[in-house]
Protein backbone atom coordinates (compact mmCIF):
# COMPACT_ATOMS: atom_id res chain seq x y z
CA UNK A 1 63.86 77.38 155.26
CA UNK A 2 66.68 79.92 155.65
CA UNK A 3 69.34 77.22 155.19
CA UNK A 4 67.51 75.91 152.15
CA UNK A 5 67.53 79.35 150.49
CA UNK A 6 71.23 79.75 151.25
CA UNK A 7 71.90 76.36 149.67
CA UNK A 8 70.02 77.36 146.50
CA UNK A 9 71.90 80.68 146.37
CA UNK A 10 75.23 78.87 146.79
CA UNK A 11 74.46 76.37 144.01
CA UNK A 12 73.37 79.16 141.66
CA UNK A 13 76.59 81.06 142.35
CA UNK A 14 78.61 77.88 141.84
CA UNK A 15 76.85 77.28 138.53
CA UNK A 16 77.70 80.82 137.41
CA UNK A 17 81.37 80.07 138.04
CA UNK A 18 81.14 77.40 135.38
CA UNK A 19 79.18 79.57 132.97
CA UNK A 20 80.48 78.97 129.47
CA UNK A 21 80.18 80.45 126.03
CA UNK A 22 78.73 77.73 123.82
CA UNK A 23 80.09 77.36 120.29
CA UNK A 24 79.24 74.74 117.68
CA UNK A 25 81.57 74.60 114.67
CA UNK A 26 82.16 72.33 111.66
CA UNK A 27 85.56 71.63 110.10
CA UNK A 28 86.79 69.61 107.09
CA UNK A 29 89.53 69.85 104.43
CA UNK A 30 88.86 72.63 101.88
CA UNK A 31 89.76 70.30 99.01
CA UNK A 32 89.76 66.49 98.52
CA UNK A 33 90.33 64.10 95.61
CA UNK A 34 87.63 61.90 94.07
CA UNK A 35 87.70 58.47 95.73
CA UNK A 36 89.52 59.67 98.86
CA UNK A 37 88.09 59.57 102.35
CA UNK A 38 88.04 62.60 104.65
CA UNK A 39 86.82 63.57 108.13
CA UNK A 40 83.99 65.98 108.88
CA UNK A 41 84.09 67.03 112.54
CA UNK A 42 81.56 69.01 114.58
CA UNK A 43 82.98 70.49 117.81
CA UNK A 44 80.71 71.60 120.68
CA UNK A 45 82.04 73.46 123.75
CA UNK A 46 79.29 72.11 126.03
CA UNK A 47 77.32 68.95 126.72
CA UNK A 48 74.60 68.58 124.07
CA UNK A 49 72.06 66.14 122.76
CA UNK A 50 69.92 65.47 119.68
CA UNK A 51 72.60 66.10 117.03
CA UNK A 52 70.98 66.60 113.63
CA UNK A 53 73.49 66.32 110.77
CA UNK A 54 72.67 67.62 107.27
CA UNK A 55 72.25 65.45 104.20
CA UNK A 56 75.52 64.21 102.70
CA UNK A 57 73.94 63.68 99.27
CA UNK A 58 77.10 64.66 97.35
CA UNK A 59 79.33 62.36 99.40
CA UNK A 60 79.25 58.73 100.51
CA UNK A 61 78.69 58.37 104.24
CA UNK A 62 81.10 55.64 105.37
CA UNK A 63 81.00 55.88 109.17
CA UNK A 64 80.02 58.04 112.09
CA UNK A 65 79.30 59.91 114.07
CA UNK A 66 82.00 58.76 116.47
CA UNK A 67 82.23 60.88 119.61
CA UNK A 68 85.05 62.00 121.84
CA UNK A 69 85.08 64.47 124.72
CA UNK A 70 87.45 66.30 127.03
CA UNK A 71 87.07 68.74 129.93
CA UNK A 72 89.28 70.83 132.18
CA UNK A 73 88.87 73.22 135.13
CA UNK A 74 91.16 76.19 135.74
CA UNK A 75 91.31 79.00 138.27
CA UNK A 76 92.75 82.33 137.14
CA UNK A 77 92.78 85.35 139.49
CA UNK A 78 90.25 83.65 141.72
CA UNK A 79 87.85 82.99 138.85
CA UNK A 80 87.00 79.36 138.15
CA UNK A 81 86.32 78.32 134.55
CA UNK A 82 85.41 74.96 133.09
CA UNK A 83 86.19 74.05 129.50
CA UNK A 84 84.30 71.26 127.76
CA UNK A 85 84.87 69.97 124.24
CA UNK A 86 82.75 67.32 122.51
CA UNK A 87 83.66 66.16 118.99
CA UNK A 88 81.34 64.33 116.56
CA UNK A 89 83.25 62.87 113.59
CA UNK A 90 81.90 61.50 110.29
CA UNK A 91 83.95 59.63 107.66
CA UNK A 92 82.91 60.66 104.14
CA UNK A 93 84.18 59.91 100.65
CA UNK A 94 84.08 62.19 97.62
CA UNK A 95 82.52 60.48 94.59
CA UNK A 96 82.24 63.16 91.91
CA UNK A 97 84.33 66.17 90.86
CA UNK A 98 82.92 69.61 91.67
CA UNK A 99 82.40 72.17 94.41
CA UNK A 100 79.82 71.24 97.04
CA UNK A 101 78.34 72.86 100.14
CA UNK A 102 77.58 70.95 103.35
CA UNK A 103 74.66 72.61 105.13
CA UNK A 104 74.83 73.50 108.86
CA UNK A 105 74.12 70.90 111.55
CA UNK A 106 72.16 71.59 114.74
CA UNK A 107 72.30 70.39 118.35
CA UNK A 108 70.50 71.18 121.61
CA UNK A 109 72.17 72.43 124.79
CA UNK A 110 69.94 72.85 127.86
CA UNK A 111 66.87 73.18 125.66
CA UNK A 112 68.43 75.77 123.34
CA UNK A 113 69.27 74.91 119.73
CA UNK A 114 72.70 75.83 118.30
CA UNK A 115 73.58 75.78 114.59
CA UNK A 116 77.04 75.20 113.10
CA UNK A 117 78.61 76.92 110.14
CA UNK A 118 78.29 75.57 106.61
CA UNK A 119 81.29 74.22 104.68
CA UNK A 120 82.35 74.45 101.04
CA UNK A 121 84.49 71.56 99.80
CA UNK A 122 86.15 71.40 96.41
CA UNK A 123 86.40 67.85 95.00
CA UNK A 124 89.30 67.46 92.56
CA UNK A 125 89.44 64.86 89.83
CA UNK A 126 91.77 61.90 90.08
CA UNK A 127 95.15 61.84 88.40
CA UNK A 128 94.94 60.74 84.78
CA UNK A 129 95.77 57.02 84.29
CA UNK A 130 98.89 57.93 82.33
CA UNK A 131 100.15 60.20 85.10
CA UNK A 132 99.45 57.57 87.75
CA UNK A 133 101.24 54.85 85.72
CA UNK A 134 104.21 57.14 85.15
CA UNK A 135 104.38 57.91 88.86
CA UNK A 136 104.37 54.18 89.69
CA UNK A 137 107.12 53.23 87.21
CA UNK A 138 109.39 56.24 87.66
CA UNK A 139 112.58 55.45 89.52
CA UNK A 140 113.89 58.23 91.72
CA UNK A 141 112.21 61.59 92.18
CA UNK A 142 111.37 63.82 89.21
CA UNK A 143 110.93 67.60 89.15
CA UNK A 144 107.19 67.02 88.66
CA UNK A 145 106.86 65.01 91.87
CA UNK A 146 108.04 67.75 94.17
CA UNK A 147 109.03 71.35 93.43
CA UNK A 148 109.24 74.84 94.92
CA UNK A 149 107.66 77.87 93.26
CA UNK A 150 107.51 81.64 93.85
CA UNK A 151 104.36 83.36 92.60
CA UNK A 152 104.05 87.15 92.19
CA UNK A 153 100.70 88.96 92.30
CA UNK A 154 101.85 91.76 89.94
CA UNK A 155 104.65 91.96 87.39
CA UNK A 156 104.40 95.67 86.63
CA UNK A 157 103.83 98.28 89.35
CA UNK A 158 104.58 101.90 90.23
CA UNK A 159 106.93 102.97 93.01
CA UNK A 160 105.39 102.34 96.44
CA UNK A 161 102.60 100.21 94.89
CA UNK A 162 102.16 96.93 96.71
CA UNK A 163 102.61 93.40 95.38
CA UNK A 164 102.60 89.99 97.09
CA UNK A 165 105.27 87.30 96.82
CA UNK A 166 104.34 83.72 97.82
CA UNK A 167 106.78 80.84 98.22
CA UNK A 168 104.88 77.55 97.96
CA UNK A 169 105.88 73.89 98.15
CA UNK A 170 104.19 71.34 95.84
CA UNK A 171 104.52 67.59 96.42
CA UNK A 172 102.96 64.30 95.35
CA UNK A 173 105.23 62.39 97.73
CA UNK A 174 105.50 62.07 101.49
CA UNK A 175 107.79 64.74 102.97
CA UNK A 176 109.19 64.00 106.39
CA UNK A 177 110.63 67.48 106.89
CA UNK A 178 112.58 70.33 105.35
CA UNK A 179 116.06 71.66 106.08
CA UNK A 180 118.43 74.50 105.08
CA UNK A 181 115.54 76.82 104.24
CA UNK A 182 116.50 80.12 102.59
CA UNK A 183 113.94 82.64 101.40
CA UNK A 184 114.43 85.22 98.62
CA UNK A 185 116.24 88.51 99.04
CA UNK A 186 113.99 91.52 98.54
CA UNK A 187 116.61 94.12 97.67
CA UNK A 188 114.94 97.36 96.62
CA UNK A 189 111.70 96.54 98.46
CA UNK A 190 110.22 97.22 101.87
CA UNK A 191 109.04 93.78 103.00
CA UNK A 192 106.32 92.80 105.50
CA UNK A 193 105.61 89.14 106.32
CA UNK A 194 101.98 88.09 105.84
CA UNK A 195 102.28 84.33 106.39
CA UNK A 196 105.27 82.86 108.23
CA UNK A 197 104.02 79.51 109.56
CA UNK A 198 105.81 77.70 112.37
CA UNK A 199 104.82 74.34 110.84
CA UNK A 200 103.88 73.17 107.36
CA UNK A 201 100.14 72.79 106.71
CA UNK A 202 99.14 71.10 103.46
CA UNK A 203 96.03 71.34 101.33
CA UNK A 204 95.21 69.63 98.02
CA UNK A 205 95.40 71.47 94.68
CA UNK A 206 95.09 70.21 91.10
CA UNK A 207 97.89 71.48 88.88
CA UNK A 208 97.83 70.54 85.17
CA UNK A 209 95.76 67.42 85.79
CA UNK A 210 97.79 66.28 88.80
CA UNK A 211 96.85 66.52 92.46
CA UNK A 212 99.47 67.98 94.77
CA UNK A 213 99.72 68.60 98.47
CA UNK A 214 100.66 72.28 98.67
CA UNK A 215 101.85 74.44 101.54
CA UNK A 216 102.64 78.16 101.76
CA UNK A 217 106.08 78.55 103.34
CA UNK A 218 106.27 82.34 103.24
CA UNK A 219 103.99 85.09 101.96
CA UNK A 220 105.39 88.62 101.87
CA UNK A 221 103.93 92.05 101.15
CA UNK A 222 106.37 94.14 99.09
CA UNK A 223 106.66 97.86 98.33
CA UNK A 224 109.25 98.78 95.65
CA UNK A 225 111.43 101.72 96.68
CA UNK A 226 113.00 102.57 93.32
CA UNK A 227 112.09 102.41 89.66
CA UNK A 228 113.52 100.09 87.02
CA UNK A 229 113.95 96.32 86.92
CA UNK A 230 113.96 94.72 90.38
CA UNK A 231 114.74 91.06 90.95
CA UNK A 232 113.36 88.74 93.59
CA UNK A 233 116.00 86.13 94.33
CA UNK A 234 115.70 82.38 94.64
CA UNK A 235 114.20 80.48 97.55
CA UNK A 236 115.94 77.22 98.52
CA UNK A 237 115.33 74.24 100.79
CA UNK A 238 116.26 70.58 101.20
CA UNK A 239 113.21 68.32 101.26
CA UNK A 240 113.52 65.04 103.17
CA UNK A 241 111.32 62.65 101.16
CA UNK A 242 110.17 59.19 102.24
CA UNK A 243 110.10 56.75 99.30
CA UNK A 244 109.10 53.10 99.31
CA UNK A 245 111.45 50.32 98.19
CA UNK A 246 109.77 46.95 97.51
CA UNK A 247 111.37 43.61 98.37
CA UNK A 248 109.04 41.42 96.38
CA UNK A 249 108.16 41.43 92.69
CA UNK A 250 104.41 40.84 93.00
CA UNK A 251 102.27 43.93 93.24
CA UNK A 252 99.81 42.17 95.57
CA UNK A 253 102.39 41.94 98.34
CA UNK A 254 103.88 45.41 97.85
CA UNK A 255 101.97 46.95 100.74
CA UNK A 256 102.98 44.11 103.12
CA UNK A 257 106.69 43.88 102.37
CA UNK A 258 107.59 47.49 101.68
CA UNK A 259 110.32 49.38 103.47
CA UNK A 260 110.92 53.12 103.36
CA UNK A 261 114.05 55.19 103.00
CA UNK A 262 114.59 58.92 103.31
CA UNK A 263 115.99 60.82 100.35
CA UNK A 264 117.20 64.41 100.51
CA UNK A 265 116.33 66.52 97.47
CA UNK A 266 117.42 70.13 96.95
CA UNK A 267 114.68 72.43 95.65
CA UNK A 268 115.03 75.97 94.26
CA UNK A 269 112.67 78.55 92.82
CA UNK A 270 113.35 80.67 89.76
CA UNK A 271 114.31 84.32 90.08
CA UNK A 272 111.45 86.69 89.37
CA UNK A 273 111.70 90.07 87.63
CA UNK A 274 109.47 93.04 88.47
CA UNK A 275 109.13 96.19 86.33
CA UNK A 276 108.74 99.28 88.53
CA UNK A 277 107.62 102.50 86.86
CA UNK A 278 108.80 105.82 88.29
CA UNK A 279 106.38 108.42 89.59
CA UNK A 280 105.34 110.66 86.68
CA UNK A 281 106.26 114.34 86.64
CA UNK A 282 104.11 116.94 88.36
CA UNK A 283 104.02 115.59 91.91
CA UNK A 284 103.98 119.06 93.50
CA UNK A 285 105.36 120.32 96.80
CA UNK A 286 102.83 118.43 98.95
CA UNK A 287 103.71 114.94 97.63
CA UNK A 288 103.89 112.37 100.44
CA UNK A 289 105.95 109.84 98.47
CA UNK A 290 103.41 107.00 98.59
CA UNK A 291 101.00 105.26 96.22
CA UNK A 292 97.45 104.40 97.22
CA UNK A 293 94.06 103.44 95.86
CA UNK A 294 91.69 105.11 98.32
CA UNK A 295 93.51 107.41 100.75
CA UNK A 296 91.41 109.75 102.90
CA UNK A 297 92.36 112.51 105.34
CA UNK A 298 90.27 114.13 108.07
CA UNK A 299 90.93 116.58 110.90
CA UNK A 300 89.25 117.84 114.08
CA UNK A 301 89.80 120.53 116.70
CA UNK A 302 88.38 119.72 120.12
CA UNK A 303 87.64 123.40 120.99
CA UNK A 304 87.08 126.58 119.02
CA UNK A 305 86.89 128.92 122.01
CA UNK A 306 89.24 128.81 125.02
CA UNK A 307 90.97 131.03 127.55
CA UNK A 308 94.65 131.85 127.36
CA UNK A 309 96.92 129.08 128.69
CA UNK A 310 94.24 126.39 128.17
CA UNK A 311 95.29 123.44 125.95
CA UNK A 312 93.72 122.66 122.58
CA UNK A 313 94.02 119.35 120.67
CA UNK A 314 94.22 119.12 116.88
CA UNK A 315 93.89 115.67 115.27
CA UNK A 316 94.78 114.73 111.69
CA UNK A 317 93.86 111.21 110.55
CA UNK A 318 95.02 109.42 107.39
CA UNK A 319 93.01 106.33 106.48
CA UNK A 320 93.01 103.85 103.63
CA UNK A 321 95.36 101.67 101.64
CA UNK A 322 99.08 102.42 101.21
CA UNK A 323 102.36 102.31 103.08
CA UNK A 324 101.26 105.00 105.54
CA UNK A 325 104.30 104.47 107.77
CA UNK A 326 106.41 106.31 105.20
CA UNK A 327 104.41 109.53 105.50
CA UNK A 328 106.27 112.20 107.47
CA UNK A 329 104.66 113.94 110.43
CA UNK A 330 102.52 116.84 109.11
CA UNK A 331 104.26 120.19 109.59
CA UNK A 332 101.46 122.40 110.90
CA UNK A 333 102.28 126.13 110.94
CA UNK A 334 100.68 127.13 114.23
CA UNK A 335 100.54 130.85 115.16
CA UNK A 336 103.81 132.17 116.56
CA UNK A 337 102.38 132.73 120.05
CA UNK A 338 101.12 129.15 120.37
CA UNK A 339 103.18 126.71 122.38
CA UNK A 340 103.15 123.48 120.32
CA UNK A 341 104.42 120.07 121.43
CA UNK A 342 105.56 117.12 119.33
CA UNK A 343 102.52 115.19 118.12
CA UNK A 344 101.44 111.85 119.53
CA UNK A 345 101.20 109.29 116.70
CA UNK A 346 98.70 106.42 116.85
CA UNK A 347 99.14 103.71 114.20
CA UNK A 348 96.26 101.31 113.54
CA UNK A 349 97.74 99.50 110.55
CA UNK A 350 97.41 95.93 109.29
CA UNK A 351 99.40 94.13 106.60
CA UNK A 352 97.09 92.32 104.16
CA UNK A 353 97.26 90.80 100.69
CA UNK A 354 95.71 94.07 99.48
CA UNK A 355 98.53 96.15 100.97
CA UNK A 356 98.89 97.97 104.28
CA UNK A 357 95.44 99.04 105.44
CA UNK A 358 94.23 101.06 108.41
CA UNK A 359 94.72 104.53 109.83
CA UNK A 360 97.40 106.80 111.22
CA UNK A 361 96.46 109.63 113.59
CA UNK A 362 98.62 112.62 114.55
CA UNK A 363 97.47 114.37 117.75
CA UNK A 364 98.89 117.86 118.44
CA UNK A 365 98.67 119.55 121.85
CA UNK A 366 98.96 123.35 121.59
CA UNK A 367 98.56 126.11 124.18
CA UNK A 368 97.61 129.67 123.15
CA UNK A 369 99.39 132.09 125.45
CA UNK A 370 97.35 135.30 125.08
CA UNK A 371 93.97 136.60 123.99
CA UNK A 372 92.93 137.14 120.39
CA UNK A 373 91.52 135.42 117.33
CA UNK A 374 93.88 133.03 115.58
CA UNK A 375 93.80 130.83 112.51
CA UNK A 376 95.24 127.31 112.37
CA UNK A 377 95.95 126.89 108.65
CA UNK A 378 94.86 123.97 106.47
CA UNK A 379 97.28 121.13 105.76
CA UNK A 380 97.64 119.59 102.29
CA UNK A 381 99.02 116.21 101.26
CA UNK A 382 99.17 114.56 97.83
CA UNK A 383 99.65 110.95 96.80
CA UNK A 384 99.83 108.95 93.58
CA UNK A 385 96.55 107.20 92.77
CA UNK A 386 97.36 103.84 91.15
CA UNK A 387 93.84 103.48 89.72
CA UNK A 388 93.67 106.79 87.86
CA UNK A 389 97.48 106.95 87.44
CA UNK A 390 97.46 110.57 88.58
CA UNK A 391 98.27 112.67 91.63
CA UNK A 392 95.50 113.54 94.07
CA UNK A 393 95.67 116.16 96.81
CA UNK A 394 93.90 115.98 100.17
CA UNK A 395 93.41 119.11 102.30
CA UNK A 396 92.14 119.57 105.84
CA UNK A 397 89.99 122.53 106.83
CA UNK A 398 91.40 125.67 108.44
CA UNK A 399 90.25 126.41 111.99
CA UNK A 400 89.57 129.75 113.69
CA UNK A 401 90.34 129.71 117.42
CA UNK A 402 89.00 132.44 119.70
CA UNK A 403 91.17 132.93 122.80
CA UNK A 404 89.79 134.94 125.74
CA UNK A 405 91.94 136.64 128.35
CA UNK A 406 93.05 134.28 131.08
CA UNK A 407 92.61 134.91 134.77
CA UNK A 408 95.04 137.49 136.16
CA UNK A 409 96.39 138.25 132.69
CA UNK A 410 96.84 141.60 131.03
CA UNK A 411 95.23 142.28 127.67
CA UNK A 412 98.56 142.14 125.90
CA UNK A 413 101.33 139.73 126.79
CA UNK A 414 104.76 139.86 125.08
CA UNK A 415 105.66 136.76 123.10
CA UNK A 416 109.06 136.51 124.77
CA UNK A 417 107.44 136.18 128.17
CA UNK A 418 106.64 132.55 127.35
CA UNK A 419 109.94 131.55 125.79
CA UNK A 420 110.44 129.08 128.63
CA UNK A 421 108.08 126.12 129.08
CA UNK A 422 108.63 125.86 132.85
CA UNK A 423 105.66 126.28 135.17
CA UNK A 424 105.69 129.21 137.58
CA UNK A 425 106.03 128.11 141.19
CA UNK A 426 105.30 130.25 144.26
CA UNK A 427 107.73 129.75 147.12
CA UNK A 428 107.33 130.66 150.77
CA UNK A 429 104.14 131.47 152.66
CA UNK A 430 101.52 134.15 152.18
CA UNK A 431 100.89 134.71 155.91
CA UNK A 432 103.63 134.97 158.51
CA UNK A 433 103.27 134.61 162.30
CA UNK A 434 103.45 137.67 164.57
CA UNK A 435 106.91 138.05 166.00
CA UNK A 436 106.85 137.44 169.77
CA UNK A 437 110.57 137.79 170.59
CA UNK A 438 111.82 140.89 172.54
CA UNK A 439 112.38 144.01 170.41
CA UNK A 440 115.71 145.87 170.53
CA UNK A 441 114.99 149.61 170.56
CA UNK A 442 117.48 152.19 169.18
CA UNK A 443 118.54 154.95 171.62
CA UNK A 444 117.07 158.35 170.76
CA UNK A 445 120.46 160.02 170.48
CA UNK A 446 121.72 157.52 167.86
CA UNK A 447 121.49 158.58 164.18
CA UNK A 448 121.83 155.72 161.65
CA UNK A 449 122.76 157.89 158.65
CA UNK A 450 126.15 158.70 160.13
CA UNK A 451 127.14 155.06 160.21
CA UNK A 452 129.77 154.01 157.63
CA UNK A 453 128.32 150.56 157.09
CA UNK A 454 124.95 152.11 156.19
CA UNK A 455 126.46 154.15 153.34
CA UNK A 456 128.41 151.15 152.04
CA UNK A 457 125.25 149.02 152.05
CA UNK A 458 123.65 151.44 149.57
CA UNK A 459 126.67 151.23 147.28
CA UNK A 460 126.68 147.40 147.39
CA UNK A 461 122.93 147.23 146.69
CA UNK A 462 123.32 149.60 143.74
CA UNK A 463 126.13 147.50 142.24
CA UNK A 464 124.10 144.29 142.73
CA UNK A 465 121.08 145.90 141.06
CA UNK A 466 123.16 146.84 138.00
CA UNK A 467 124.58 143.31 137.77
CA UNK A 468 121.11 141.73 138.06
CA UNK A 469 119.72 144.03 135.34
CA UNK A 470 122.59 143.16 132.97
CA UNK A 471 122.15 139.42 133.62
CA UNK A 472 118.38 139.65 133.09
CA UNK A 473 118.79 141.54 129.80
CA UNK A 474 121.30 138.96 128.58
CA UNK A 475 118.97 136.11 129.55
CA UNK A 476 116.04 137.84 127.87
CA UNK A 477 117.99 138.28 124.63
CA UNK A 478 119.15 134.65 124.73
CA UNK A 479 115.64 133.32 125.47
CA UNK A 480 114.13 135.37 122.66
CA UNK A 481 116.65 133.91 120.20
CA UNK A 482 115.09 130.43 119.99
CA UNK A 483 117.39 129.45 117.13
CA UNK A 484 120.45 130.06 119.27
CA UNK A 485 118.90 128.19 122.21
CA UNK A 486 118.16 125.15 120.05
CA UNK A 487 121.67 125.32 118.56
CA UNK A 488 123.22 125.19 122.03
CA UNK A 489 120.94 122.44 123.33
CA UNK A 490 121.08 120.25 120.18
CA UNK A 491 123.76 117.88 121.51
CA UNK A 492 122.12 117.66 124.95
CA UNK A 493 118.72 116.76 123.47
CA UNK A 494 120.29 114.22 121.12
CA UNK A 495 122.14 112.53 123.99
CA UNK A 496 118.87 112.25 125.95
CA UNK A 497 117.23 110.51 123.00
CA UNK A 498 120.20 108.20 122.53
CA UNK A 499 119.95 107.27 126.22
CA UNK A 500 116.31 106.25 125.63
CA UNK A 501 117.42 104.32 122.53
CA UNK A 502 120.00 102.45 124.60
CA UNK A 503 117.29 101.40 127.07
CA UNK A 504 115.08 100.18 124.19
CA UNK A 505 118.05 98.25 122.76
CA UNK A 506 118.60 96.47 126.08
CA UNK A 507 114.90 95.54 126.16
CA UNK A 508 115.14 94.13 122.58
CA UNK A 509 112.41 96.52 121.41
CA UNK A 510 113.95 96.78 117.96
CA UNK A 511 111.38 98.85 116.06
CA UNK A 512 111.14 101.46 118.86
CA UNK A 513 114.98 101.49 119.09
CA UNK A 514 115.42 102.33 115.39
CA UNK A 515 112.68 104.96 115.55
CA UNK A 516 114.32 106.65 118.57
CA UNK A 517 117.78 106.66 116.89
CA UNK A 518 116.18 108.16 113.77
CA UNK A 519 114.47 110.84 115.89
CA UNK A 520 117.77 111.59 117.63
CA UNK A 521 119.66 112.06 114.34
CA UNK A 522 116.97 114.17 112.65
CA UNK A 523 116.28 116.11 115.85
CA UNK A 524 119.98 116.96 116.23
CA UNK A 525 120.29 118.07 112.60
CA UNK A 526 117.07 120.13 112.89
CA UNK A 527 118.22 121.95 116.06
CA UNK A 528 121.87 122.35 115.05
CA UNK A 529 121.21 123.51 111.49
CA UNK A 530 117.92 125.38 112.19
CA UNK A 531 115.89 123.17 109.85
CA UNK A 532 112.07 123.04 110.18
CA UNK A 533 110.37 119.65 109.80
CA UNK A 534 109.25 120.53 106.26
CA UNK A 535 112.91 120.71 105.14
CA UNK A 536 114.01 117.32 106.50
CA UNK A 537 115.57 116.36 103.19
CA UNK A 538 118.93 114.73 102.79
CA UNK A 539 120.13 116.98 99.98
CA UNK A 540 119.34 120.10 102.00
CA UNK A 541 121.20 118.74 105.05
CA UNK A 542 124.16 117.69 102.90
CA UNK A 543 124.35 121.17 101.35
CA UNK A 544 124.35 122.93 104.74
CA UNK A 545 126.94 120.54 106.19
CA UNK A 546 129.22 121.22 103.22
CA UNK A 547 128.84 124.94 103.86
CA UNK A 548 129.76 124.36 107.51
CA UNK A 549 132.95 122.60 106.43
CA UNK A 550 131.98 119.10 107.63
CA UNK A 551 134.08 116.24 106.24
CA UNK A 552 132.57 114.11 103.47
CA UNK A 553 133.28 111.04 105.63
CA UNK A 554 130.88 112.31 108.31
CA UNK A 555 128.20 113.15 105.72
CA UNK A 556 128.46 109.65 104.25
CA UNK A 557 128.25 108.13 107.73
CA UNK A 558 125.11 110.20 108.40
CA UNK A 559 123.44 108.93 105.19
CA UNK A 560 124.38 105.32 106.02
CA UNK A 561 122.92 105.53 109.53
CA UNK A 562 119.70 107.14 108.29
CA UNK A 563 119.34 104.42 105.62
CA UNK A 564 119.95 101.60 108.11
CA UNK A 565 117.45 102.98 110.64
CA UNK A 566 114.74 103.54 108.03
CA UNK A 567 115.18 100.09 106.46
CA UNK A 568 115.49 98.38 109.85
CA UNK A 569 112.07 99.65 110.93
CA UNK A 570 110.28 98.15 107.91
CA UNK A 571 112.72 95.59 106.43
CA UNK A 572 114.96 94.24 109.24
CA UNK A 573 116.43 91.54 106.99
CA UNK A 574 118.02 94.23 104.79
CA UNK A 575 120.26 95.50 107.64
CA UNK A 576 123.43 93.60 108.49
CA UNK A 577 124.73 95.86 111.27
CA UNK A 578 123.84 95.04 114.88
CA UNK A 579 121.80 97.36 117.10
CA UNK A 580 124.83 97.99 119.31
CA UNK A 581 126.93 98.94 116.29
CA UNK A 582 124.26 101.38 115.05
CA UNK A 583 123.99 102.88 118.55
CA UNK A 584 127.77 103.41 118.94
CA UNK A 585 128.14 104.86 115.44
CA UNK A 586 125.24 107.27 116.02
CA UNK A 587 126.66 108.55 119.32
CA UNK A 588 130.09 109.01 117.71
CA UNK A 589 128.62 110.82 114.69
CA UNK A 590 126.64 113.27 116.85
CA UNK A 591 129.78 114.07 118.84
CA UNK A 592 131.88 114.57 115.68
CA UNK A 593 129.24 116.82 114.09
CA UNK A 594 128.98 118.86 117.30
CA UNK A 595 132.73 119.49 117.17
CA UNK A 596 132.60 120.40 113.47
CA UNK A 597 129.48 122.59 113.30
CA UNK A 598 129.83 125.85 115.24
C-alpha cells in the first residue's frame, strides 16, 4: 500500500511538470478579394477533442479541417516543460464584398471547454474588367503596378506636437525582394521608430478600384523642433519583381509554358511638406517647452514628521501624452538646511501612433539636519495644450515637514556643521585593558619642572595648537563657501562622469552614454559658473563665458557637443559623429574651459 501511494504521488508530481497553459486562437488574413481562397486556422496548445467550428455562412467552405500537430520537451533550470501545438485548418473562399465576422469556435480539453477569439475579415471587390485587361496587355511595369508612398498623419502642427510618417509599399506584382533601401531624412524633427519590420509582411488593400498587396516598411513618430516649413525627404528602394514571359501564343497554355524573369525597378516617394506653427506668446516662466493633450502632474511626500538626520522622499510624477523626455528635472527649492541629492528618474514611456505616452517620475531624497518646522514649496510647470491652443499650468502642493530633535543633538545646530556629506566614524576602543607591566616610579628628590625638555614641550604644544586653530578656521571658511568648493571640484566631478561615460561607450550603451556626457557638460558648467538648475540655458552660459574671456571657438564647440548629445539620445540618425569622437571632444573642451575660467 505504501509503495502504491508513493507511485501515485510520483505520477502526480510528474504530471505537474508538464502542466501547461491552454490557449485556443483563430487566425486568418484581415482582408481578402472576392473569389480568392484563404486559410482559417485554429491553434490549440494542448490535446483536444470535439472541435465545434462556427457557421461559415458568408464564405464558401472548400475543405477542412485538416490537422497538424507538433510537440517538444525542454528543461530550463531544472524545470521540465512540454509544449504542444495542434492546428485545425479550413480552406474558405470569399463570395461577396463586405465586412464579415467569423464567430468563435470551441473545443474540449480534459472535459473543459475552451473558446477561441472571433475574427473580422474585410472582403474587397475584384479588379474592374478594364483594369484587369489593361494589366494583362501592358508590357513592362507601370507606375500603377508597383509604387512607394509616404503618408503623413498631420500636415499642420504646433512645435512639439506629434505626427506620424508611414512609408508603405504597394504592389500588384510578385516581389522577390528589395534592395538599396533608403528612408527619409527627418531634419528638424525628433524621430522615434514605431514599426521597423525585419521582414516584409503584406496585406490586401483596395486603392481606387484596384487590389494591392501592401506592406509598411517604416512608421515613425515625429516631433517638430522648430517652426516654419519642414520637409520630409524621399524614401527610395529597388524592387526585384518577378514577371512572366510566355513562350506560346495560346492563352490556354500560358500557365504550362511560362518562364519568369526578375526585373529591378527603382521606386521613390514624393517629398512631403509640413507647416509647423510657433508657440504663441505668453508662455510664462514655468513653460516646459512641450505640447500635450492631457498632461497631469502629481506629488507625494512619504513622511510629514521625522527626526533630524532621517531621510524623507519627495516624488513628482508627470503623466500623459507628450514628449516628456524633453522636460528638465524639476528644480525644487528645498530649505537651506536640508541635504538634497540628485533625483532618481524613472521613465515609463511608450511610443505610439498617438504620441509618446506614459509617465516620468522624479524621486528626491532629502535629509533635514536639525529640528524645526519647514516648508517644501510647490512646483509649477506649464505646457501648450494642442486642443485648446492655450497654455496650461500644473502645480504640486506645498508640504510642511515637522523635524524633531535627533538623538544626542542640541536644540540648535549651525548650518555649516553639515557642509560635508561624510559620515562620522568613531575610531579606537571605548574600554582599554588594565596595564599589567611594571611601573617606573620617579625618585622623591627629582623635580620635573626644572627639566629643560619639559619647558620646551609646552612651547611646542602651544605652537601646534595655534597652527591647528588656523587650519581649522581656514577649513571652516572654505567649507562654508559652497560656491568656491564647487568651483574647485568642477573639473574633478566632470572627469568622474566622463569616466563613467567611457565605460558606457565600451559597453555600446549609446543612450546612457549620451545622457552621461550631457550630465558631465552641464554639471561642469553649473559648478564652474555657479549656475542653479533653473538657469541651465545656453544664452545665459554663453553670456557668462564671454564675461570670463573664453574664446568663441570653445563656446561654439560647447553648443555643438550639447546639440549632438541631445539629438543623439532621441534621434540617433541625425548625428554623424562617432561616440569616441564625442567623448574625446568633450574631455578636451572641459580641460580647455578649466584653463580659461578662473
